[in-house]
Each structure stands twice: as structure tokens, then as C-alpha cells.
Amino acid sequence: MKRLGVALALLVLLAPSAAAHSQAVEKPERMRPQGPAAIRFAPDVPAVVDAEWGWRVGGFGGVRRGAPLKHVPVVFVHGNNVDAADWYPVRDDFRAAGWSDQELWALSYNGLGGSNGSALTRQNPERDEEHSAMGKDATTYVTENAVNVADLHAFLLMVRKYTGSKRFMIVGHSLGVTLARETLRVHPSLRRDLVAFVGIAGANHGTSFCPPGSEGNVVSCDEIAAGTPWLERLNAAGETYGPARWMTVYDGSGGGDPAFAGPTYAQSPRLEGADNREFPATYHNDLRLDPAIVAVYREFLEAAGTLKRR
């Protein structure tokens, strides 16, 4: 129940006030995060500098430049208010299935994140210990899609050069889904080398965290509230496209994930042309962390991106 309260608190944060409905509210400025996130890359991984904040982008990945690959490298893109540490349990599941750190990458595109990524059924003690050691405060730092495109784009280019693999795969969660899709829209040359894309609980057609009236009240709601010009432009570019294989993972019932509550938003994460997988009554972060669900999208990536032995 304590972890569910994190999501409910975020819902309250994103809900517009009555005044917001009756008069225009100037969009608030993004808060500067507490500081950079942890650096967990191999020693020879080149630095990517955050285009907004000026510090090195945190995250994990790498063994050594040019180390052998069994799979096309995958980049994990976290959601709002968190950082790459949210993916540690997923990274560990992939490692156990034979993936190497040369193939597993994640970035922290808005500095040191919080614990909003906690699941109901699976703990992340490595993240919690890391954040505690770094003196993480209790503040929620909300960011948005467009301002982080430069960081994800630079990170993708770095991973491709470091690994020697032009081809790559993406797994995004929550805001990470729309961020990754926007990066592919803004940089269409990336699309020909994208092998697979997994979108987990993404606000592809709106979110109940951004109800009508929130567009001018909360950072990112001008992008991902249902019916915004930003979402219309994103989807007009193509919800999916080849040669990549696409999968979405989401609740679908309207009752498990508070980001897509009720019938209005239940199908928002779905993408036309994707392998759309529903996991009814599953909480927002369990869709990313539940071991059985991780196995589903891992096997999807393996089917698309396992390299043939020469």
C-alpha cells in the first residue's frame, strides 16, 4: 500500500486545480534536479553530457570497446521522476538469461531520480542503497519529453559507436516510451537501424495523470494529455514503422495502472501495428518489473535481435 501511495501522490500532483480549468495557467518551469545520477558504465565508455543541465548523463552499460556481442544492444529508457537505477532488476534478469553488459544499456536523462518507480510485487534494493548513499532527497523532479530528446539521441549514437553495432533496440517505460518515439520522429535516420521497440505503459494517446485542464498547469501535460498537438504530431508520424518489430505492454483493464485509469485511458499505451500485450489489473511499475512480464519482452527482443554465430 505504501508504494501504491507513491502513484496516488503523483496523481494528486498532476491533477489540475479548479482554477486551472477556469483560467489559463502559465506553464511552470522545470525544476533543476538535485544533481547527476550514478555513473555505472565501463571505464572506457565515453561521457554524454546532459544538454539541459551540463553534467555527465548517468546510467549503466558496457564491458570494453568492441567487446563481442550475442545480441543487438538494447537501451532502456526510464519514466518520469526516476533514473536508470529503476532498471537494475530487469538488467539482472537479462544477465541471468545470458545477456552481457555490452548489450545492456540505460541512461538517466534528468539526473538523480526518486523512488517513484517502486513496484508492488518486486523490490529494488540496489537502487534504494545507491540513492541513499548519494543523499537523495524526497523531492519529485518532473521533466518532459522534448527537452530530453538531445540526450537520448546522443546516448544512442554513443552506444552504437562503442559497441560497433549500428543496429539497436529500445525498451521504454512510461515517459520513456513517448521520449523514445519522439527521438525517432525527430531523427528519422535512426529508424532503419532500429531492430525492436518495446513500449511499456506509455502515454501514447494520453494519460489520466494529465486530465483536461492540466496542459498549462503541469510540466509534460502539454505534451501527453489526450488530444494535444504534441501527441497528434507524434502519432501522425506513424505509431509504428519498419523494419523494427514493435511490442506494447500495458494493463488494458483501466483498473490496475493509475496512469491509465478507467475506460477513457485503458487502451492509450496501445500502438497501431504493434504486438499489443495486455496484463490486466497490473500496476504501472509491475508492468516493467514483474519477472514473468520481463521474460515476455526479453524473449521478444531475443527473437528479433539474437545475432547469428559466424
Protein backbone atom coordinates (compact mmCIF):
# COMPACT_ATOMS: atom_id res chain seq x y z
CA MET A 1 0.00 0.00 0.00
CA LYS A 2 2.90 2.36 0.72
CA ARG A 3 4.18 2.02 -2.84
CA LEU A 4 0.72 2.50 -4.28
CA GLY A 5 0.64 5.74 -2.35
CA VAL A 6 3.59 6.97 -4.44
CA ALA A 7 1.47 6.71 -7.58
CA LEU A 8 -1.54 8.27 -5.92
CA ALA A 9 0.59 11.15 -4.67
CA LEU A 10 1.83 11.71 -8.20
CA LEU A 11 -1.74 11.69 -9.47
CA VAL A 12 -2.61 14.41 -6.97
CA LEU A 13 0.46 16.36 -8.09
CA LEU A 14 -0.60 16.21 -11.73
CA ALA A 15 -4.30 16.88 -11.16
CA PRO A 16 -5.21 20.47 -12.09
CA SER A 17 -6.82 22.77 -9.60
CA ALA A 18 -10.29 24.16 -10.16
CA ALA A 19 -8.67 27.48 -11.03
CA ALA A 20 -6.72 25.81 -13.80
CA HIS A 21 -9.96 24.88 -15.54
CA SER A 22 -11.42 28.36 -15.29
CA GLN A 23 -8.42 30.41 -16.40
CA ALA A 24 -5.19 29.97 -18.28
CA VAL A 25 -2.26 28.99 -16.08
CA GLU A 26 1.29 29.71 -17.14
CA LYS A 27 3.27 26.53 -17.61
CA PRO A 28 5.63 26.07 -14.64
CA GLU A 29 9.36 25.89 -15.21
CA ARG A 30 11.11 22.56 -14.87
CA MET A 31 12.80 22.14 -11.51
CA ARG A 32 16.54 21.62 -11.55
CA PRO A 33 17.21 18.07 -10.30
CA GLN A 34 19.20 17.52 -7.15
CA GLY A 35 22.27 16.52 -9.17
CA PRO A 36 23.60 13.91 -11.59
CA ALA A 37 22.67 10.25 -11.33
CA ALA A 38 25.11 7.43 -10.63
CA ILE A 39 27.70 6.55 -13.29
CA ARG A 40 27.76 2.76 -13.70
CA PHE A 41 29.37 2.48 -17.13
CA ALA A 42 32.50 0.55 -18.05
CA PRO A 43 35.60 2.74 -17.53
CA ASP A 44 36.19 3.38 -21.23
CA VAL A 45 32.61 4.41 -22.08
CA PRO A 46 32.66 7.99 -23.45
CA ALA A 47 30.78 10.63 -21.48
CA VAL A 48 27.49 12.01 -22.76
CA VAL A 49 26.81 15.49 -21.40
CA ASP A 50 23.26 16.41 -20.40
CA ALA A 51 22.16 19.10 -22.85
CA GLU A 52 19.97 20.84 -20.26
CA TRP A 53 21.93 20.55 -17.01
CA GLY A 54 25.54 20.28 -18.17
CA TRP A 55 26.60 17.25 -16.15
CA ARG A 56 27.50 13.77 -17.36
CA VAL A 57 24.49 11.61 -18.13
CA GLY A 58 24.36 8.71 -15.68
CA GLY A 59 23.36 5.13 -16.29
CA PHE A 60 24.89 1.71 -16.89
CA GLY A 61 26.32 -0.42 -19.67
CA GLY A 62 29.47 -1.61 -21.38
CA VAL A 63 32.29 -4.11 -20.88
CA ARG A 64 35.01 -2.66 -23.11
CA ARG A 65 35.05 -1.04 -26.51
CA GLY A 66 34.47 -3.62 -29.22
CA ALA A 67 33.66 -6.49 -26.81
CA PRO A 68 31.79 -9.35 -28.53
CA LEU A 69 28.01 -9.30 -28.85
CA LYS A 70 25.48 -12.13 -28.83
CA HIS A 71 22.51 -9.78 -29.05
CA VAL A 72 21.81 -6.44 -30.65
CA PRO A 73 22.35 -3.87 -27.85
CA VAL A 74 19.24 -2.67 -26.05
CA VAL A 75 18.82 0.76 -24.46
CA PHE A 76 16.39 1.04 -21.52
CA VAL A 77 14.66 4.42 -21.18
CA HIS A 78 13.11 5.16 -17.78
CA GLY A 79 9.98 7.13 -16.95
CA ASN A 80 9.37 10.46 -15.23
CA ASN A 81 10.81 11.35 -11.81
CA VAL A 82 13.23 8.37 -11.75
CA ASP A 83 16.59 7.34 -13.24
CA ALA A 84 18.39 4.38 -14.82
CA ALA A 85 18.56 2.57 -11.46
CA ASP A 86 14.90 1.66 -11.99
CA TRP A 87 16.12 -0.94 -14.48
CA TYR A 88 18.53 -2.84 -12.19
CA PRO A 89 16.17 -5.81 -11.61
CA VAL A 90 15.46 -6.01 -15.36
CA ARG A 91 19.18 -5.85 -16.13
CA ASP A 92 19.74 -8.71 -13.69
CA ASP A 93 17.02 -10.82 -15.34
CA PHE A 94 18.59 -10.27 -18.75
CA ARG A 95 22.03 -11.14 -17.37
CA ALA A 96 20.65 -14.38 -15.97
CA ALA A 97 19.31 -15.20 -19.43
CA GLY A 98 22.78 -14.86 -20.98
CA TRP A 99 22.94 -11.18 -21.96
CA SER A 100 26.19 -9.32 -21.30
CA ASP A 101 26.68 -5.77 -20.04
CA GLN A 102 27.96 -4.91 -23.52
CA GLU A 103 24.37 -5.47 -24.69
CA LEU A 104 22.51 -3.82 -21.79
CA TRP A 105 22.40 -0.02 -21.56
CA ALA A 106 20.38 2.60 -19.71
CA LEU A 107 20.65 6.36 -19.31
CA SER A 108 19.47 8.80 -16.64
CA TYR A 109 18.17 11.68 -18.75
CA ASN A 110 17.12 14.01 -15.91
CA GLY A 111 19.73 13.49 -13.24
CA LEU A 112 19.25 11.70 -9.94
CA GLY A 113 15.74 10.32 -9.72
CA GLY A 114 13.48 9.24 -6.90
CA SER A 115 11.66 6.09 -5.82
CA ASN A 116 8.51 6.69 -7.88
CA GLY A 117 9.43 3.60 -9.87
CA SER A 118 8.75 1.24 -6.94
CA ALA A 119 6.62 -1.77 -7.78
CA LEU A 120 4.05 -3.56 -5.67
CA THR A 121 5.49 -7.04 -6.15
CA ARG A 122 9.25 -6.60 -6.57
CA GLN A 123 11.81 -4.63 -4.63
CA ASN A 124 14.88 -2.82 -5.99
CA PRO A 125 17.34 -2.76 -3.08
CA GLU A 126 20.33 -1.86 -5.28
CA ARG A 127 18.58 1.33 -6.37
CA ASP A 128 17.50 2.15 -2.83
CA GLU A 129 21.01 1.69 -1.43
CA GLU A 130 22.52 3.71 -4.26
CA HIS A 131 20.13 6.61 -3.77
CA SER A 132 20.63 6.56 -0.02
CA ALA A 133 24.43 6.64 -0.41
CA MET A 134 24.07 9.62 -2.78
CA GLY A 135 21.93 11.53 -0.29
CA LYS A 136 18.79 11.50 -2.42
CA ASP A 137 16.22 14.00 -1.18
CA ALA A 138 12.48 13.37 -1.20
CA THR A 139 11.65 15.90 -3.91
CA THR A 140 9.88 14.89 -7.12
CA TYR A 141 11.52 16.41 -10.20
CA VAL A 142 9.07 16.29 -13.10
CA THR A 143 10.52 16.55 -16.59
CA GLU A 144 9.12 16.22 -20.12
CA ASN A 145 9.79 14.66 -23.49
CA ALA A 146 11.09 17.28 -25.91
CA VAL A 147 13.86 18.69 -23.71
CA ASN A 148 15.40 15.22 -23.29
CA VAL A 149 15.49 14.20 -26.96
CA ALA A 150 19.03 15.54 -27.37
CA ASP A 151 20.31 13.38 -24.52
CA LEU A 152 18.71 10.16 -25.74
CA HIS A 153 19.87 10.82 -29.29
CA ALA A 154 23.47 11.42 -28.16
CA PHE A 155 23.35 8.33 -25.96
CA LEU A 156 22.12 6.12 -28.81
CA LEU A 157 24.89 7.37 -31.07
CA MET A 158 27.47 6.69 -28.34
CA VAL A 159 26.22 3.14 -27.71
CA ARG A 160 26.27 2.32 -31.40
CA LYS A 161 29.84 3.59 -31.80
CA TYR A 162 31.12 2.00 -28.60
CA THR A 163 29.64 -1.43 -29.29
CA GLY A 164 30.36 -1.37 -33.01
CA SER A 165 26.71 -2.21 -33.70
CA LYS A 166 24.78 0.21 -35.90
CA ARG A 167 21.66 -1.76 -35.03
CA PHE A 168 20.00 -1.21 -31.67
CA MET A 169 16.81 -1.92 -29.69
CA ILE A 170 14.82 0.20 -27.24
CA VAL A 171 12.72 -0.64 -24.19
CA GLY A 172 10.89 2.38 -22.80
CA HIS A 173 8.66 2.74 -19.76
CA SER A 174 6.06 5.45 -19.14
CA LEU A 175 7.52 8.82 -20.25
CA GLY A 176 10.42 6.85 -21.72
CA VAL A 177 8.07 5.47 -24.38
CA THR A 178 6.99 8.83 -25.75
CA LEU A 179 10.52 10.22 -25.32
CA ALA A 180 11.96 7.40 -27.42
CA ARG A 181 9.23 7.70 -30.04
CA GLU A 182 9.80 11.47 -30.27
CA THR A 183 13.55 10.90 -30.67
CA LEU A 184 12.86 8.54 -33.56
CA ARG A 185 10.49 11.11 -35.07
CA VAL A 186 12.97 13.97 -34.82
CA HIS A 187 15.85 11.78 -36.04
CA PRO A 188 14.27 9.52 -38.69
CA SER A 189 17.66 8.23 -39.86
CA LEU A 190 17.74 6.12 -36.66
CA ARG A 191 14.72 4.13 -37.79
CA ARG A 192 16.49 2.00 -40.39
CA ASP A 193 18.78 0.56 -37.69
CA LEU A 194 16.10 0.03 -35.03
CA VAL A 195 15.56 -3.71 -34.66
CA ALA A 196 12.86 -3.81 -31.96
CA PHE A 197 10.93 -1.41 -29.74
CA VAL A 198 9.11 -2.34 -26.52
CA GLY A 199 6.82 0.34 -25.11
CA ILE A 200 5.68 -0.33 -21.53
CA ALA A 201 2.76 1.71 -20.18
CA GLY A 202 3.43 4.69 -22.43
CA ALA A 203 1.08 7.67 -22.73
CA ASN A 204 0.80 7.27 -26.50
CA HIS A 205 -2.74 8.67 -26.59
CA GLY A 206 -2.99 10.45 -23.25
CA THR A 207 -2.85 9.65 -19.55
CA SER A 208 -5.19 10.03 -16.60
CA PHE A 209 -2.29 11.77 -14.82
CA CYS A 210 -2.91 14.68 -17.24
CA PRO A 211 -6.69 15.20 -17.35
CA PRO A 212 -8.28 18.06 -19.34
CA GLY A 213 -7.10 21.40 -17.98
CA SER A 214 -3.69 20.21 -16.89
CA GLU A 215 -1.93 21.18 -20.11
CA GLY A 216 -0.90 24.59 -18.78
CA ASN A 217 -0.62 23.54 -15.18
CA VAL A 218 1.92 20.72 -15.01
CA VAL A 219 5.20 20.09 -16.81
CA SER A 220 4.81 17.45 -19.57
CA CYS A 221 0.99 17.60 -19.64
CA ASP A 222 1.13 19.97 -22.61
CA GLU A 223 2.72 17.03 -24.41
CA ILE A 224 0.98 13.89 -23.17
CA ALA A 225 -2.54 14.97 -22.23
CA ALA A 226 -5.04 13.39 -24.60
CA GLY A 227 -5.62 15.40 -27.77
CA THR A 228 -2.63 17.73 -27.52
CA PRO A 229 -0.98 18.96 -30.74
CA TRP A 230 2.24 17.35 -29.47
CA LEU A 231 0.69 13.86 -29.35
CA GLU A 232 -1.14 14.40 -32.63
CA ARG A 233 2.16 15.26 -34.31
CA LEU A 234 3.91 12.28 -32.73
CA ASN A 235 1.27 9.80 -33.88
CA ALA A 236 0.85 11.37 -37.30
CA ALA A 237 4.48 10.44 -37.98
CA GLY A 238 3.46 6.79 -37.65
CA GLU A 239 2.64 4.87 -34.50
CA THR A 240 4.99 2.11 -35.65
CA TYR A 241 7.17 1.62 -38.70
CA GLY A 242 9.53 -0.92 -40.19
CA PRO A 243 11.89 -2.58 -40.30
CA ALA A 244 11.64 -2.79 -36.50
CA ARG A 245 9.33 -5.13 -34.63
CA TRP A 246 7.14 -3.40 -32.06
CA MET A 247 5.51 -4.55 -28.81
CA THR A 248 3.49 -2.74 -26.17
CA VAL A 249 2.97 -3.94 -22.61
CA TYR A 250 0.14 -2.44 -20.58
CA ASP A 251 -2.69 -3.04 -18.11
CA GLY A 252 -5.60 -2.67 -20.54
CA SER A 253 -8.28 -3.09 -17.87
CA GLY A 254 -8.33 0.51 -16.65
CA GLY A 255 -8.18 -0.77 -13.09
CA GLY A 256 -4.57 -1.70 -12.40
CA ASP A 257 -2.46 1.18 -13.67
CA PRO A 258 -3.38 4.60 -12.23
CA ALA A 259 -1.68 6.30 -15.20
CA PHE A 260 -4.38 4.81 -17.47
CA ALA A 261 -7.39 4.60 -15.22
CA GLY A 262 -10.88 3.89 -16.50
CA PRO A 263 -12.19 3.17 -19.99
CA THR A 264 -11.08 6.51 -21.42
CA TYR A 265 -7.39 5.79 -20.95
CA ALA A 266 -7.17 1.99 -20.68
CA GLN A 267 -6.03 1.49 -24.28
CA SER A 268 -3.81 4.58 -24.51
CA PRO A 269 -0.49 2.64 -24.47
CA ARG A 270 -1.56 0.58 -27.49
CA LEU A 271 0.17 1.30 -30.79
CA GLU A 272 -1.22 0.54 -34.22
CA GLY A 273 0.91 -2.14 -35.87
CA ALA A 274 2.49 -3.42 -32.64
CA ASP A 275 2.18 -6.73 -30.84
CA ASN A 276 -0.03 -5.28 -28.09
CA ARG A 277 0.08 -7.33 -24.87
CA GLU A 278 -2.40 -6.70 -22.05
CA PHE A 279 -1.71 -7.72 -18.47
CA PRO A 280 -5.00 -6.83 -16.76
CA ALA A 281 -5.03 -5.35 -13.25
CA THR A 282 -1.24 -4.88 -13.25
CA TYR A 283 0.26 -1.82 -11.60
CA HIS A 284 2.29 0.74 -13.59
CA ASN A 285 5.74 -0.32 -12.37
CA ASP A 286 4.99 -4.03 -12.15
CA LEU A 287 4.41 -3.95 -15.90
CA ARG A 288 8.12 -3.18 -16.16
CA LEU A 289 9.47 -5.28 -13.28
CA ASP A 290 7.32 -8.39 -12.86
CA PRO A 291 9.66 -11.30 -13.72
CA ALA A 292 7.08 -13.08 -15.87
CA ILE A 293 6.43 -9.91 -17.89
CA VAL A 294 10.15 -9.19 -18.18
CA ALA A 295 10.52 -12.68 -19.68
CA VAL A 296 7.83 -11.87 -22.27
CA TYR A 297 9.53 -8.77 -23.60
CA ARG A 298 13.01 -10.25 -23.24
CA GLU A 299 12.03 -13.18 -25.43
CA PHE A 300 10.51 -10.74 -27.93
CA LEU A 301 13.85 -8.92 -28.12
CA GLU A 302 15.75 -12.17 -28.42
CA ALA A 303 13.58 -13.28 -31.32
CA ALA A 304 14.35 -10.02 -33.12
CA GLY A 305 17.90 -9.33 -32.04
CA THR A 306 19.88 -12.52 -31.36
CA LEU A 307 22.95 -12.43 -33.55
CA LYS A 308 23.85 -15.42 -35.68
CA ARG A 309 27.18 -17.03 -34.98
CA ARG A 310 29.66 -16.77 -37.80
